[in-house]
Amino acid sequence: MALIRPHQLTPLSISIRYRSGIGSNTPPFKSRIEEDDLKDLEALLNKKSIKELQKSKTGEELLDLIHCPTAKETTVTAKVDQLRGGNASLYKQLSDANQQFHEAATDYRVLKSDVEALTVKKYRKKVTQ
């Protein structure tokens, strides 16, 4: 009889071994008990070993470290936020100055037209006299 190692066992091979009676001197079990045993064996085979659990835990820890920002990234982010706030206040000052400039330009055009009107009025007065 060939020696079968545990890592070579699959649920199908276990099922075949139980049904055929290979590897045991006892007669085959009843089908219900056999199914329960197969389910138990499948659960045992699918269960992670301690080494696998430690590897997955280490992997999770590494992922946490990768996604955690470094001190340098944190300070750069803080500086960016500070500059963004400074830029916003500078932009507001620029837009306020721009608004004042447009108002002054409008006032200048009105005053210029008033001066032209008065000049024309004065010139007409001189001509008519």
Protein backbone atom coordinates (compact mmCIF):
# COMPACT_ATOMS: atom_id res chain seq x y z
CA MET A 1 0.00 0.00 0.00
CA ALA A 2 1.33 3.46 -0.99
CA LEU A 3 2.15 5.97 1.70
CA ILE A 4 -0.05 9.09 1.45
CA ARG A 5 1.16 12.29 3.05
CA PRO A 6 -1.34 14.68 4.72
CA HIS A 7 -0.78 17.47 2.18
CA GLN A 8 -1.77 15.04 -0.60
CA LEU A 9 -5.17 14.44 0.93
CA THR A 10 -8.08 16.21 -0.66
CA PRO A 11 -11.74 15.85 0.22
CA LEU A 12 -12.18 13.73 -2.90
CA SER A 13 -9.28 11.40 -2.10
CA ILE A 14 -10.48 11.06 1.48
CA SER A 15 -13.95 10.21 0.23
CA ILE A 16 -12.55 7.55 -2.12
CA ARG A 17 -10.40 6.07 0.64
CA TYR A 18 -13.37 5.83 3.02
CA ARG A 19 -15.70 4.32 0.46
CA SER A 20 -13.24 1.74 -0.74
CA GLY A 21 -12.05 0.84 2.73
CA ILE A 22 -8.41 1.52 1.82
CA GLY A 23 -6.22 2.32 4.77
CA SER A 24 -8.46 0.77 7.36
CA ASN A 25 -9.41 -2.74 8.36
CA THR A 26 -12.92 -1.70 9.33
CA PRO A 27 -15.93 -1.94 7.06
CA PRO A 28 -17.24 1.28 5.43
CA PHE A 29 -19.31 3.55 7.68
CA LYS A 30 -22.91 4.38 7.16
CA SER A 31 -23.39 7.15 4.61
CA ARG A 32 -24.62 9.76 7.11
CA ILE A 33 -21.70 9.20 9.47
CA GLU A 34 -19.40 9.14 6.47
CA GLU A 35 -20.71 12.53 5.28
CA ASP A 36 -20.26 14.02 8.75
CA ASP A 37 -16.72 12.69 8.89
CA LEU A 38 -16.02 14.11 5.45
CA LYS A 39 -17.31 17.51 6.52
CA ASP A 40 -15.14 17.39 9.64
CA LEU A 41 -12.09 16.40 7.62
CA GLU A 42 -12.77 19.14 5.07
CA ALA A 43 -13.04 21.67 7.88
CA LEU A 44 -9.75 20.45 9.36
CA LEU A 45 -8.02 20.60 5.99
CA ASN A 46 -9.35 24.09 5.27
CA LYS A 47 -8.36 25.38 8.69
CA LYS A 48 -5.34 27.70 8.64
CA SER A 49 -2.25 26.58 10.49
CA ILE A 50 -0.63 28.72 13.18
CA LYS A 51 2.11 29.66 10.72
CA GLU A 52 -0.45 30.79 8.14
CA LEU A 53 -2.31 32.82 10.77
CA GLN A 54 0.93 34.51 11.85
CA LYS A 55 1.78 35.30 8.21
CA SER A 56 -1.62 36.87 7.59
CA LYS A 57 -1.36 38.85 10.84
CA THR A 58 2.10 40.07 9.81
CA GLY A 59 0.72 41.00 6.39
CA GLU A 60 -2.09 43.00 7.99
CA GLU A 61 0.40 44.81 10.23
CA LEU A 62 2.53 45.65 7.19
CA LEU A 63 -0.50 46.99 5.34
CA ASP A 64 -1.38 49.14 8.36
CA LEU A 65 2.17 50.52 8.40
CA ILE A 66 2.10 51.22 4.68
CA HIS A 67 -1.19 53.11 4.88
CA CYS A 68 -0.19 55.07 7.98
CA PRO A 69 1.29 58.49 7.04
CA THR A 70 4.86 59.21 8.09
CA ALA A 71 5.84 62.22 10.18
CA LYS A 72 7.22 63.94 7.08
CA GLU A 73 3.98 63.37 5.16
CA THR A 74 2.01 64.76 8.09
CA THR A 75 4.12 67.93 8.26
CA VAL A 76 3.95 68.43 4.49
CA THR A 77 0.17 68.04 4.62
CA ALA A 78 -0.01 70.60 7.43
CA LYS A 79 2.13 73.05 5.43
CA VAL A 80 -0.04 72.56 2.34
CA ASP A 81 -3.19 73.24 4.38
CA GLN A 82 -1.59 76.35 5.89
CA LEU A 83 -0.52 77.64 2.45
CA ARG A 84 -3.94 76.86 1.04
CA GLY A 85 -5.50 79.00 3.78
CA GLY A 86 -2.97 81.78 3.11
CA ASN A 87 -3.69 81.62 -0.61
CA ALA A 88 -7.41 81.86 0.06
CA SER A 89 -6.97 85.05 2.11
CA LEU A 90 -4.65 86.51 -0.56
CA TYR A 91 -7.18 85.67 -3.24
CA LYS A 92 -9.92 87.42 -1.24
CA GLN A 93 -7.74 90.51 -0.90
CA LEU A 94 -7.03 90.45 -4.65
CA SER A 95 -10.72 90.13 -5.54
CA ASP A 96 -11.58 93.00 -3.14
CA ALA A 97 -8.88 95.21 -4.72
CA ASN A 98 -10.12 94.24 -8.19
CA GLN A 99 -13.68 95.21 -7.22
CA GLN A 100 -12.47 98.57 -5.88
CA PHE A 101 -10.49 99.15 -9.10
CA HIS A 102 -13.57 98.50 -11.25
CA GLU A 103 -15.65 100.87 -9.10
CA ALA A 104 -12.95 103.56 -9.37
CA ALA A 105 -12.77 103.10 -13.16
CA THR A 106 -16.54 103.52 -13.40
CA ASP A 107 -16.42 106.65 -11.20
CA TYR A 108 -13.59 108.01 -13.37
CA ARG A 109 -15.61 107.55 -16.58
CA VAL A 110 -18.61 109.30 -14.99
CA LEU A 111 -16.45 112.20 -13.81
CA LYS A 112 -14.75 112.45 -17.21
CA SER A 113 -18.10 112.65 -19.00
CA ASP A 114 -19.27 115.30 -16.49
CA VAL A 115 -16.12 117.36 -17.13
CA GLU A 116 -16.62 117.08 -20.90
CA ALA A 117 -20.24 118.16 -20.54
CA LEU A 118 -19.23 121.18 -18.44
CA THR A 119 -16.48 122.06 -20.91
CA VAL A 120 -18.93 121.97 -23.81
CA LYS A 121 -21.41 124.05 -21.82
CA LYS A 122 -18.70 126.62 -21.00
CA TYR A 123 -17.54 126.74 -24.62
CA ARG A 124 -21.11 127.30 -25.86
CA LYS A 125 -21.54 130.12 -23.38
CA LYS A 126 -18.41 131.84 -24.71
CA VAL A 127 -19.48 131.39 -28.32
CA THR A 128 -22.99 132.73 -27.76
CA GLN A 129 -21.79 135.90 -25.99
